[in-house]
């Protein structure tokens, strides 16, 4: 089993489970459409670790980006992704001051 660490938690992928399926199973907020590397909607930032692809994805991905729908996790990874309950919260809270 491979360990995946996200912004909110760590979990193990099940045998034969795709990264996208594992993220969905653990309540992460991931947009997707094609589930096969064509559209790039599921693009996430890889912070640490590595993945591989059986076939090069057709969607453009940057150097530190991955497509969880079609990548194979080759060892422990850390990615930027939040659970659905945390996805609605702002990353930083700013205090606003109003003068009346």
PDB file of N, CA and C in Angstrom:
ATOM      1  N   UNK A   1       0.834  -1.185   0.000  1.00  0.00           N
ATOM      2  CA  UNK A   1       0.000   0.000   0.000  1.00  0.00           C
ATOM      3  C   UNK A   1       0.880   1.250   0.000  1.00  0.00           C
ATOM      4  N   UNK A   2       0.460   2.227  -0.763  1.00  0.00           N
ATOM      5  CA  UNK A   2       1.213   3.465  -0.905  1.00  0.00           C
ATOM      6  C   UNK A   2       0.562   4.569  -0.076  1.00  0.00           C
ATOM      7  N   UNK A   3       1.370   5.343   0.623  1.00  0.00           N
ATOM      8  CA  UNK A   3       0.858   6.431   1.452  1.00  0.00           C
ATOM      9  C   UNK A   3       0.765   7.718   0.645  1.00  0.00           C
ATOM     10  N   UNK A   4      -0.399   8.357   0.735  1.00  0.00           N
ATOM     11  CA  UNK A   4      -0.649   9.640   0.090  1.00  0.00           C
ATOM     12  C   UNK A   4      -0.908  10.657   1.194  1.00  0.00           C
ATOM     13  N   UNK A   5      -0.151  11.747   1.187  1.00  0.00           N
ATOM     14  CA  UNK A   5      -0.356  12.819   2.158  1.00  0.00           C
ATOM     15  C   UNK A   5      -0.885  14.030   1.412  1.00  0.00           C
ATOM     16  N   UNK A   6      -2.004  14.555   1.894  1.00  0.00           N
ATOM     17  CA  UNK A   6      -2.623  15.727   1.283  1.00  0.00           C
ATOM     18  C   UNK A   6      -2.541  16.894   2.259  1.00  0.00           C
ATOM     19  N   UNK A   7      -3.146  17.993   1.895  1.00  0.00           N
ATOM     20  CA  UNK A   7      -3.162  19.173   2.742  1.00  0.00           C
ATOM     21  C   UNK A   7      -3.795  18.874   4.098  1.00  0.00           C
ATOM     22  N   UNK A   8      -4.767  17.957   4.128  1.00  0.00           N
ATOM     23  CA  UNK A   8      -5.545  17.704   5.338  1.00  0.00           C
ATOM     24  C   UNK A   8      -5.233  16.408   6.069  1.00  0.00           C
ATOM     25  N   UNK A   9      -4.785  15.363   5.365  1.00  0.00           N
ATOM     26  CA  UNK A   9      -4.594  14.068   6.022  1.00  0.00           C
ATOM     27  C   UNK A   9      -3.715  13.147   5.201  1.00  0.00           C
ATOM     28  N   UNK A  10      -3.426  11.976   5.767  1.00  0.00           N
ATOM     29  CA  UNK A  10      -2.683  10.924   5.061  1.00  0.00           C
ATOM     30  C   UNK A  10      -3.559   9.688   4.981  1.00  0.00           C
ATOM     31  N   UNK A  11      -3.423   8.945   3.883  1.00  0.00           N
ATOM     32  CA  UNK A  11      -4.170   7.704   3.715  1.00  0.00           C
ATOM     33  C   UNK A  11      -3.376   6.764   2.826  1.00  0.00           C
ATOM     34  N   UNK A  12      -3.773   5.514   2.808  1.00  0.00           N
ATOM     35  CA  UNK A  12      -3.128   4.513   1.950  1.00  0.00           C
ATOM     36  C   UNK A  12      -4.044   4.176   0.792  1.00  0.00           C
ATOM     37  N   UNK A  13      -3.464   4.064  -0.392  1.00  0.00           N
ATOM     38  CA  UNK A  13      -4.230   3.597  -1.545  1.00  0.00           C
ATOM     39  C   UNK A  13      -4.479   2.106  -1.396  1.00  0.00           C
ATOM     40  N   UNK A  14      -5.661   1.669  -1.778  1.00  0.00           N
ATOM     41  CA  UNK A  14      -5.987   0.253  -1.761  1.00  0.00           C
ATOM     42  C   UNK A  14      -5.367  -0.424  -2.978  1.00  0.00           C
ATOM     43  N   UNK A  15      -5.213  -1.727  -2.921  1.00  0.00           N
ATOM     44  CA  UNK A  15      -4.652  -2.497  -4.037  1.00  0.00           C
ATOM     45  C   UNK A  15      -5.435  -2.214  -5.317  1.00  0.00           C
ATOM     46  N   UNK A  16      -4.763  -1.756  -6.372  1.00  0.00           N
ATOM     47  CA  UNK A  16      -5.391  -1.501  -7.665  1.00  0.00           C
ATOM     48  C   UNK A  16      -6.196  -0.214  -7.743  1.00  0.00           C
ATOM     49  N   UNK A  17      -6.210   0.579  -6.694  1.00  0.00           N
ATOM     50  CA  UNK A  17      -7.000   1.812  -6.660  1.00  0.00           C
ATOM     51  C   UNK A  17      -6.226   2.955  -7.308  1.00  0.00           C
ATOM     52  N   UNK A  18      -6.901   3.734  -8.157  1.00  0.00           N
ATOM     53  CA  UNK A  18      -6.251   4.907  -8.746  1.00  0.00           C
ATOM     54  C   UNK A  18      -6.159   6.006  -7.689  1.00  0.00           C
ATOM     55  N   UNK A  19      -5.271   6.949  -7.920  1.00  0.00           N
ATOM     56  CA  UNK A  19      -5.137   8.068  -6.992  1.00  0.00           C
ATOM     57  C   UNK A  19      -6.443   8.850  -6.917  1.00  0.00           C
ATOM     58  N   UNK A  20      -7.087   9.078  -8.054  1.00  0.00           N
ATOM     59  CA  UNK A  20      -8.357   9.803  -8.061  1.00  0.00           C
ATOM     60  C   UNK A  20      -9.405   9.066  -7.230  1.00  0.00           C
ATOM     61  N   UNK A  21      -9.507   7.747  -7.399  1.00  0.00           N
ATOM     62  CA  UNK A  21     -10.473   6.966  -6.618  1.00  0.00           C
ATOM     63  C   UNK A  21     -10.158   7.039  -5.124  1.00  0.00           C
ATOM     64  N   UNK A  22      -8.882   6.975  -4.766  1.00  0.00           N
ATOM     65  CA  UNK A  22      -8.483   7.079  -3.365  1.00  0.00           C
ATOM     66  C   UNK A  22      -8.825   8.437  -2.773  1.00  0.00           C
ATOM     67  N   UNK A  23      -8.617   9.489  -3.549  1.00  0.00           N
ATOM     68  CA  UNK A  23      -8.958  10.832  -3.083  1.00  0.00           C
ATOM     69  C   UNK A  23     -10.464  10.965  -2.876  1.00  0.00           C
ATOM     70  N   UNK A  24     -11.247  10.424  -3.796  1.00  0.00           N
ATOM     71  CA  UNK A  24     -12.706  10.460  -3.643  1.00  0.00           C
ATOM     72  C   UNK A  24     -13.145   9.646  -2.426  1.00  0.00           C
ATOM     73  N   UNK A  25     -12.557   8.479  -2.242  1.00  0.00           N
ATOM     74  CA  UNK A  25     -12.918   7.602  -1.120  1.00  0.00           C
ATOM     75  C   UNK A  25     -12.676   8.283   0.219  1.00  0.00           C
ATOM     76  N   UNK A  26     -11.654   9.111   0.300  1.00  0.00           N
ATOM     77  CA  UNK A  26     -11.304   9.763   1.559  1.00  0.00           C
ATOM     78  C   UNK A  26     -11.889  11.174   1.684  1.00  0.00           C
ATOM     79  N   UNK A  27     -12.822  11.516   0.807  1.00  0.00           N
ATOM     80  CA  UNK A  27     -13.556  12.773   0.933  1.00  0.00           C
ATOM     81  C   UNK A  27     -12.860  14.013   0.425  1.00  0.00           C
ATOM     82  N   UNK A  28     -11.901  13.859  -0.484  1.00  0.00           N
ATOM     83  CA  UNK A  28     -11.194  15.015  -1.031  1.00  0.00           C
ATOM     84  C   UNK A  28     -11.980  15.642  -2.177  1.00  0.00           C
ATOM     85  N   UNK A  29     -11.798  16.919  -2.329  1.00  0.00           N
ATOM     86  CA  UNK A  29     -12.461  17.700  -3.364  1.00  0.00           C
ATOM     87  C   UNK A  29     -11.581  17.706  -4.612  1.00  0.00           C
ATOM     88  N   UNK A  30     -11.949  16.923  -5.619  1.00  0.00           N
ATOM     89  CA  UNK A  30     -11.180  16.856  -6.861  1.00  0.00           C
ATOM     90  C   UNK A  30     -12.151  16.982  -8.029  1.00  0.00           C
ATOM     91  N   UNK A  31     -11.913  17.963  -8.883  1.00  0.00           N
ATOM     92  CA  UNK A  31     -12.723  18.082 -10.093  1.00  0.00           C
ATOM     93  C   UNK A  31     -12.192  17.097 -11.120  1.00  0.00           C
ATOM     94  N   UNK A  32     -13.081  16.528 -11.919  1.00  0.00           N
ATOM     95  CA  UNK A  32     -12.652  15.627 -12.986  1.00  0.00           C
ATOM     96  C   UNK A  32     -13.749  15.557 -14.031  1.00  0.00           C
ATOM     97  N   UNK A  33     -13.391  15.059 -15.210  1.00  0.00           N
ATOM     98  CA  UNK A  33     -14.368  14.856 -16.272  1.00  0.00           C
ATOM     99  C   UNK A  33     -14.124  13.524 -16.969  1.00  0.00           C
ATOM    100  N   UNK A  34     -12.994  13.381 -17.634  1.00  0.00           N
ATOM    101  CA  UNK A  34     -12.787  12.219 -18.504  1.00  0.00           C
ATOM    102  C   UNK A  34     -12.282  10.971 -17.783  1.00  0.00           C
ATOM    103  N   UNK A  35     -11.564  11.130 -16.680  1.00  0.00           N
ATOM    104  CA  UNK A  35     -10.960  10.039 -15.915  1.00  0.00           C
ATOM    105  C   UNK A  35      -9.926   9.241 -16.714  1.00  0.00           C
ATOM    106  N   UNK A  36      -9.352   9.858 -17.764  1.00  0.00           N
ATOM    107  CA  UNK A  36      -8.367   9.126 -18.560  1.00  0.00           C
ATOM    108  C   UNK A  36      -7.218   9.987 -19.095  1.00  0.00           C
ATOM    109  N   UNK A  37      -7.025  11.192 -18.570  1.00  0.00           N
ATOM    110  CA  UNK A  37      -5.877  12.006 -18.960  1.00  0.00           C
ATOM    111  C   UNK A  37      -6.063  12.891 -20.168  1.00  0.00           C
ATOM    112  N   UNK A  38      -7.277  12.994 -20.687  1.00  0.00           N
ATOM    113  CA  UNK A  38      -7.515  13.821 -21.873  1.00  0.00           C
ATOM    114  C   UNK A  38      -7.785  15.285 -21.539  1.00  0.00           C
ATOM    115  N   UNK A  39      -8.585  15.529 -20.490  1.00  0.00           N
ATOM    116  CA  UNK A  39      -9.067  16.893 -20.252  1.00  0.00           C
ATOM    117  C   UNK A  39      -8.196  17.713 -19.304  1.00  0.00           C
ATOM    118  N   UNK A  40      -7.538  17.087 -18.354  1.00  0.00           N
ATOM    119  CA  UNK A  40      -6.705  17.802 -17.395  1.00  0.00           C
ATOM    120  C   UNK A  40      -7.470  18.449 -16.255  1.00  0.00           C
ATOM    121  N   UNK A  41      -8.770  18.206 -16.152  1.00  0.00           N
ATOM    122  CA  UNK A  41      -9.578  18.837 -15.099  1.00  0.00           C
ATOM    123  C   UNK A  41      -9.151  18.425 -13.694  1.00  0.00           C
ATOM    124  N   UNK A  42      -8.594  17.241 -13.536  1.00  0.00           N
ATOM    125  CA  UNK A  42      -8.220  16.742 -12.205  1.00  0.00           C
ATOM    126  C   UNK A  42      -6.800  17.139 -11.794  1.00  0.00           C
ATOM    127  N   UNK A  43      -6.140  17.959 -12.561  1.00  0.00           N
ATOM    128  CA  UNK A  43      -4.746  18.370 -12.331  1.00  0.00           C
ATOM    129  C   UNK A  43      -4.520  18.812 -10.882  1.00  0.00           C
ATOM    130  N   UNK A  44      -3.483  18.257 -10.243  1.00  0.00           N
ATOM    131  CA  UNK A  44      -3.103  18.613  -8.873  1.00  0.00           C
ATOM    132  C   UNK A  44      -1.606  18.903  -8.818  1.00  0.00           C
ATOM    133  N   UNK A  45      -1.185  19.595  -7.780  1.00  0.00           N
ATOM    134  CA  UNK A  45       0.232  19.895  -7.584  1.00  0.00           C
ATOM    135  C   UNK A  45       0.888  18.800  -6.755  1.00  0.00           C
ATOM    136  N   UNK A  46       1.966  18.241  -7.285  1.00  0.00           N
ATOM    137  CA  UNK A  46       2.767  17.240  -6.582  1.00  0.00           C
ATOM    138  C   UNK A  46       3.848  17.978  -5.802  1.00  0.00           C
ATOM    139  N   UNK A  47       3.821  17.846  -4.470  1.00  0.00           N
ATOM    140  CA  UNK A  47       4.782  18.540  -3.615  1.00  0.00           C
ATOM    141  C   UNK A  47       6.013  17.696  -3.326  1.00  0.00           C
ATOM    142  N   UNK A  48       5.833  16.373  -3.269  1.00  0.00           N
ATOM    143  CA  UNK A  48       6.949  15.478  -2.975  1.00  0.00           C
ATOM    144  C   UNK A  48       6.591  14.077  -3.448  1.00  0.00           C
ATOM    145  N   UNK A  49       7.593  13.327  -3.901  1.00  0.00           N
ATOM    146  CA  UNK A  49       7.369  11.974  -4.394  1.00  0.00           C
ATOM    147  C   UNK A  49       7.317  11.953  -5.910  1.00  0.00           C
ATOM    148  N   UNK A  50       6.902  10.817  -6.459  1.00  0.00           N
ATOM    149  CA  UNK A  50       6.838  10.714  -7.913  1.00  0.00           C
ATOM    150  C   UNK A  50       5.714   9.784  -8.341  1.00  0.00           C
ATOM    151  N   UNK A  51       5.288   9.994  -9.572  1.00  0.00           N
ATOM    152  CA  UNK A  51       4.265   9.155 -10.199  1.00  0.00           C
ATOM    153  C   UNK A  51       4.746   8.800 -11.598  1.00  0.00           C
ATOM    154  N   UNK A  52       4.106   7.810 -12.199  1.00  0.00           N
ATOM    155  CA  UNK A  52       4.417   7.456 -13.584  1.00  0.00           C
ATOM    156  C   UNK A  52       3.105   7.330 -14.349  1.00  0.00           C
ATOM    157  N   UNK A  53       3.218   7.215 -15.659  1.00  0.00           N
ATOM    158  CA  UNK A  53       2.056   7.087 -16.533  1.00  0.00           C
ATOM    159  C   UNK A  53       2.292   5.929 -17.488  1.00  0.00           C
ATOM    160  N   UNK A  54       1.286   5.071 -17.677  1.00  0.00           N
ATOM    161  CA  UNK A  54       1.390   3.970 -18.638  1.00  0.00           C
ATOM    162  C   UNK A  54       1.532   4.535 -20.052  1.00  0.00           C
ATOM    163  N   UNK A  55       0.783   5.576 -20.340  1.00  0.00           N
ATOM    164  CA  UNK A  55       0.844   6.312 -21.609  1.00  0.00           C
ATOM    165  C   UNK A  55       0.952   7.791 -21.260  1.00  0.00           C
ATOM    166  N   UNK A  56       1.714   8.568 -22.010  1.00  0.00           N
ATOM    167  CA  UNK A  56       1.777  10.003 -21.716  1.00  0.00           C
ATOM    168  C   UNK A  56       0.378  10.621 -21.808  1.00  0.00           C
ATOM    169  N   UNK A  57      -0.040  11.396 -20.808  1.00  0.00           N
ATOM    170  CA  UNK A  57      -1.376  12.001 -20.868  1.00  0.00           C
ATOM    171  C   UNK A  57      -1.459  13.014 -22.002  1.00  0.00           C
ATOM    172  N   UNK A  58      -2.634  13.135 -22.603  1.00  0.00           N
ATOM    173  CA  UNK A  58      -2.829  14.102 -23.681  1.00  0.00           C
ATOM    174  C   UNK A  58      -3.003  15.515 -23.141  1.00  0.00           C
ATOM    175  N   UNK A  59      -3.510  15.647 -21.927  1.00  0.00           N
ATOM    176  CA  UNK A  59      -3.668  16.971 -21.316  1.00  0.00           C
ATOM    177  C   UNK A  59      -2.301  17.518 -20.936  1.00  0.00           C
ATOM    178  N   UNK A  60      -2.137  18.816 -21.088  1.00  0.00           N
ATOM    179  CA  UNK A  60      -0.888  19.457 -20.693  1.00  0.00           C
ATOM    180  C   UNK A  60      -0.784  19.457 -19.178  1.00  0.00           C
ATOM    181  N   UNK A  61       0.378  19.080 -18.658  1.00  0.00           N
ATOM    182  CA  UNK A  61       0.644  19.198 -17.229  1.00  0.00           C
ATOM    183  C   UNK A  61       2.016  19.830 -17.048  1.00  0.00           C
ATOM    184  N   UNK A  62       2.107  20.705 -16.064  1.00  0.00           N
ATOM    185  CA  UNK A  62       3.365  21.365 -15.753  1.00  0.00           C
ATOM    186  C   UNK A  62       4.315  20.413 -15.046  1.00  0.00           C
ATOM    187  N   UNK A  63       5.522  20.873 -14.799  1.00  0.00           N
ATOM    188  CA  UNK A  63       6.574  20.042 -14.221  1.00  0.00           C
ATOM    189  C   UNK A  63       6.193  19.482 -12.853  1.00  0.00           C
ATOM    190  N   UNK A  64       5.482  20.236 -12.035  1.00  0.00           N
ATOM    191  CA  UNK A  64       5.117  19.753 -10.699  1.00  0.00           C
ATOM    192  C   UNK A  64       3.638  19.382 -10.595  1.00  0.00           C
ATOM    193  N   UNK A  65       3.013  19.103 -11.729  1.00  0.00           N
ATOM    194  CA  UNK A  65       1.597  18.738 -11.740  1.00  0.00           C
ATOM    195  C   UNK A  65       1.417  17.270 -12.103  1.00  0.00           C
ATOM    196  N   UNK A  66       0.322  16.690 -11.605  1.00  0.00           N
ATOM    197  CA  UNK A  66      -0.021  15.305 -11.930  1.00  0.00           C
ATOM    198  C   UNK A  66      -1.502  15.216 -12.263  1.00  0.00           C
ATOM    199  N   UNK A  67      -1.870  14.155 -12.949  1.00  0.00           N
ATOM    200  CA  UNK A  67      -3.269  13.853 -13.233  1.00  0.00           C
ATOM    201  C   UNK A  67      -3.638  12.607 -12.433  1.00  0.00           C
ATOM    202  N   UNK A  68      -4.350  12.759 -11.318  1.00  0.00           N
ATOM    203  CA  UNK A  68      -4.657  11.609 -10.470  1.00  0.00           C
ATOM    204  C   UNK A  68      -5.556  10.573 -11.129  1.00  0.00           C
ATOM    205  N   UNK A  69      -6.208  10.919 -12.226  1.00  0.00           N
ATOM    206  CA  UNK A  69      -7.085   9.957 -12.899  1.00  0.00           C
ATOM    207  C   UNK A  69      -6.299   8.866 -13.611  1.00  0.00           C
ATOM    208  N   UNK A  70      -5.078   9.166 -14.041  1.00  0.00           N
ATOM    209  CA  UNK A  70      -4.363   8.191 -14.871  1.00  0.00           C
ATOM    210  C   UNK A  70      -2.916   7.942 -14.452  1.00  0.00           C
ATOM    211  N   UNK A  71      -2.463   8.566 -13.375  1.00  0.00           N
ATOM    212  CA  UNK A  71      -1.086   8.324 -12.944  1.00  0.00           C
ATOM    213  C   UNK A  71      -1.015   7.096 -12.049  1.00  0.00           C
ATOM    214  N   UNK A  72       0.174   6.525 -11.964  1.00  0.00           N
ATOM    215  CA  UNK A  72       0.446   5.432 -11.041  1.00  0.00           C
ATOM    216  C   UNK A  72       1.398   5.969  -9.986  1.00  0.00           C
ATOM    217  N   UNK A  73       0.991   5.862  -8.741  1.00  0.00           N
ATOM    218  CA  UNK A  73       1.824   6.341  -7.640  1.00  0.00           C
ATOM    219  C   UNK A  73       2.933   5.322  -7.416  1.00  0.00           C
ATOM    220  N   UNK A  74       4.185   5.774  -7.471  1.00  0.00           N
ATOM    221  CA  UNK A  74       5.326   4.853  -7.401  1.00  0.00           C
ATOM    222  C   UNK A  74       5.969   4.772  -6.022  1.00  0.00           C
ATOM    223  N   UNK A  75       5.449   5.515  -5.074  1.00  0.00           N
ATOM    224  CA  UNK A  75       5.960   5.526  -3.702  1.00  0.00           C
ATOM    225  C   UNK A  75       5.186   6.560  -2.922  1.00  0.00           C
ATOM    226  N   UNK A  76       5.558   6.804  -1.682  1.00  0.00           N
ATOM    227  CA  UNK A  76       4.856   7.819  -0.896  1.00  0.00           C
ATOM    228  C   UNK A  76       4.891   9.170  -1.608  1.00  0.00           C
ATOM    229  N   UNK A  77       3.752   9.861  -1.623  1.00  0.00           N
ATOM    230  CA  UNK A  77       3.680  11.182  -2.253  1.00  0.00           C
ATOM    231  C   UNK A  77       2.995  12.167  -1.316  1.00  0.00           C
ATOM    232  N   UNK A  78       3.245  13.446  -1.592  1.00  0.00           N
ATOM    233  CA  UNK A  78       2.565  14.538  -0.900  1.00  0.00           C
ATOM    234  C   UNK A  78       2.014  15.454  -1.980  1.00  0.00           C
ATOM    235  N   UNK A  79       0.712  15.727  -1.921  1.00  0.00           N
ATOM    236  CA  UNK A  79       0.054  16.544  -2.937  1.00  0.00           C
ATOM    237  C   UNK A  79      -0.748  17.660  -2.285  1.00  0.00           C
ATOM    238  N   UNK A  80      -1.021  18.690  -3.072  1.00  0.00           N
ATOM    239  CA  UNK A  80      -1.847  19.794  -2.608  1.00  0.00           C
ATOM    240  C   UNK A  80      -3.289  19.488  -2.981  1.00  0.00           C
ATOM    241  N   UNK A  81      -4.076  19.088  -1.990  1.00  0.00           N
ATOM    242  CA  UNK A  81      -5.481  18.749  -2.203  1.00  0.00           C
ATOM    243  C   UNK A  81      -6.167  18.782  -0.850  1.00  0.00           C
ATOM    244  N   UNK A  82      -7.384  19.308  -0.809  1.00  0.00           N
ATOM    245  CA  UNK A  82      -8.105  19.440   0.451  1.00  0.00           C
ATOM    246  C   UNK A  82      -9.348  18.554   0.462  1.00  0.00           C
ATOM    247  N   UNK A  83      -9.772  18.178   1.667  1.00  0.00           N
ATOM    248  CA  UNK A  83     -11.021  17.431   1.789  1.00  0.00           C
ATOM    249  C   UNK A  83     -12.173  18.369   1.475  1.00  0.00           C
ATOM    250  N   UNK A  84     -13.305  17.803   1.087  1.00  0.00           N
ATOM    251  CA  UNK A  84     -14.459  18.612   0.704  1.00  0.00           C
ATOM    252  C   UNK A  84     -14.884  19.551   1.821  1.00  0.00           C
ATOM    253  N   UNK A  85     -14.827  19.110   3.069  1.00  0.00           N
ATOM    254  CA  UNK A  85     -15.239  19.961   4.189  1.00  0.00           C
ATOM    255  C   UNK A  85     -14.288  21.138   4.379  1.00  0.00           C
ATOM    256  N   UNK A  86     -13.019  20.974   4.036  1.00  0.00           N
ATOM    257  CA  UNK A  86     -12.032  22.041   4.184  1.00  0.00           C
ATOM    258  C   UNK A  86     -11.892  22.889   2.923  1.00  0.00           C
ATOM    259  N   UNK A  87     -12.373  22.396   1.788  1.00  0.00           N
ATOM    260  CA  UNK A  87     -12.196  23.103   0.518  1.00  0.00           C
ATOM    261  C   UNK A  87     -12.947  24.428   0.493  1.00  0.00           C
ATOM    262  N   UNK A  88     -14.011  24.545   1.273  1.00  0.00           N
ATOM    263  CA  UNK A  88     -14.790  25.775   1.276  1.00  0.00           C
ATOM    264  C   UNK A  88     -14.185  26.846   2.172  1.00  0.00           C
ATOM    265  N   UNK A  89     -13.234  26.471   3.025  1.00  0.00           N
ATOM    266  CA  UNK A  89     -12.610  27.431   3.921  1.00  0.00           C
ATOM    267  C   UNK A  89     -11.491  28.180   3.211  1.00  0.00           C
ATOM    268  N   UNK A  90     -11.310  29.461   3.502  1.00  0.00           N
ATOM    269  CA  UNK A  90     -10.200  30.197   2.884  1.00  0.00           C
ATOM    270  C   UNK A  90      -8.870  29.672   3.410  1.00  0.00           C
ATOM    271  N   UNK A  91      -7.838  29.761   2.584  1.00  0.00           N
ATOM    272  CA  UNK A  91      -6.517  29.335   3.004  1.00  0.00           C
ATOM    273  C   UNK A  91      -5.970  30.228   4.105  1.00  0.00           C
ATOM    274  N   UNK A  92      -6.256  31.496   4.048  1.00  0.00           N
ATOM    275  CA  UNK A  92      -5.825  32.437   5.076  1.00  0.00           C
ATOM    276  C   UNK A  92      -7.019  33.281   5.483  1.00  0.00           C
ATOM    277  N   UNK A  93      -7.069  33.636   6.734  1.00  0.00           N
ATOM    278  CA  UNK A  93      -8.134  34.506   7.216  1.00  0.00           C
ATOM    279  C   UNK A  93      -7.564  35.901   7.397  1.00  0.00           C
ATOM    280  N   UNK A  94      -8.171  36.841   6.733  1.00  0.00           N
ATOM    281  CA  UNK A  94      -7.739  38.226   6.866  1.00  0.00           C
ATOM    282  C   UNK A  94      -8.741  38.970   7.734  1.00  0.00           C
ATOM    283  N   UNK A  95      -8.236  39.804   8.596  1.00  0.00           N
ATOM    284  CA  UNK A  95      -9.097  40.614   9.429  1.00  0.00           C
ATOM    285  C   UNK A  95      -9.314  41.936   8.717  1.00  0.00           C
ATOM    286  N   UNK A  96     -10.572  42.302   8.551  1.00  0.00           N
ATOM    287  CA  UNK A  96     -10.881  43.560   7.895  1.00  0.00           C
ATOM    288  C   UNK A  96     -11.260  44.587   8.952  1.00  0.00           C
ATOM    289  N   UNK A  97     -10.736  45.789   8.809  1.00  0.00           N
ATOM    290  CA  UNK A  97     -11.041  46.879   9.729  1.00  0.00           C
ATOM    291  C   UNK A  97     -11.754  47.960   8.941  1.00  0.00           C
ATOM    292  N   UNK A  98     -12.883  48.376   9.460  1.00  0.00           N
ATOM    293  CA  UNK A  98     -13.652  49.418   8.800  1.00  0.00           C
ATOM    294  C   UNK A  98     -13.707  50.643   9.702  1.00  0.00           C
ATOM    295  N   UNK A  99     -13.457  51.803   9.140  1.00  0.00           N
ATOM    296  CA  UNK A  99     -13.593  53.066   9.870  1.00  0.00           C
ATOM    297  C   UNK A  99     -14.930  53.678   9.504  1.00  0.00           C
ATOM    298  N   UNK A 100     -15.673  54.090  10.526  1.00  0.00           N
ATOM    299  CA  UNK A 100     -16.966  54.726  10.273  1.00  0.00           C
ATOM    300  C   UNK A 100     -16.939  56.158  10.717  1.00  0.00           C
TER     301      UNK A 100
END
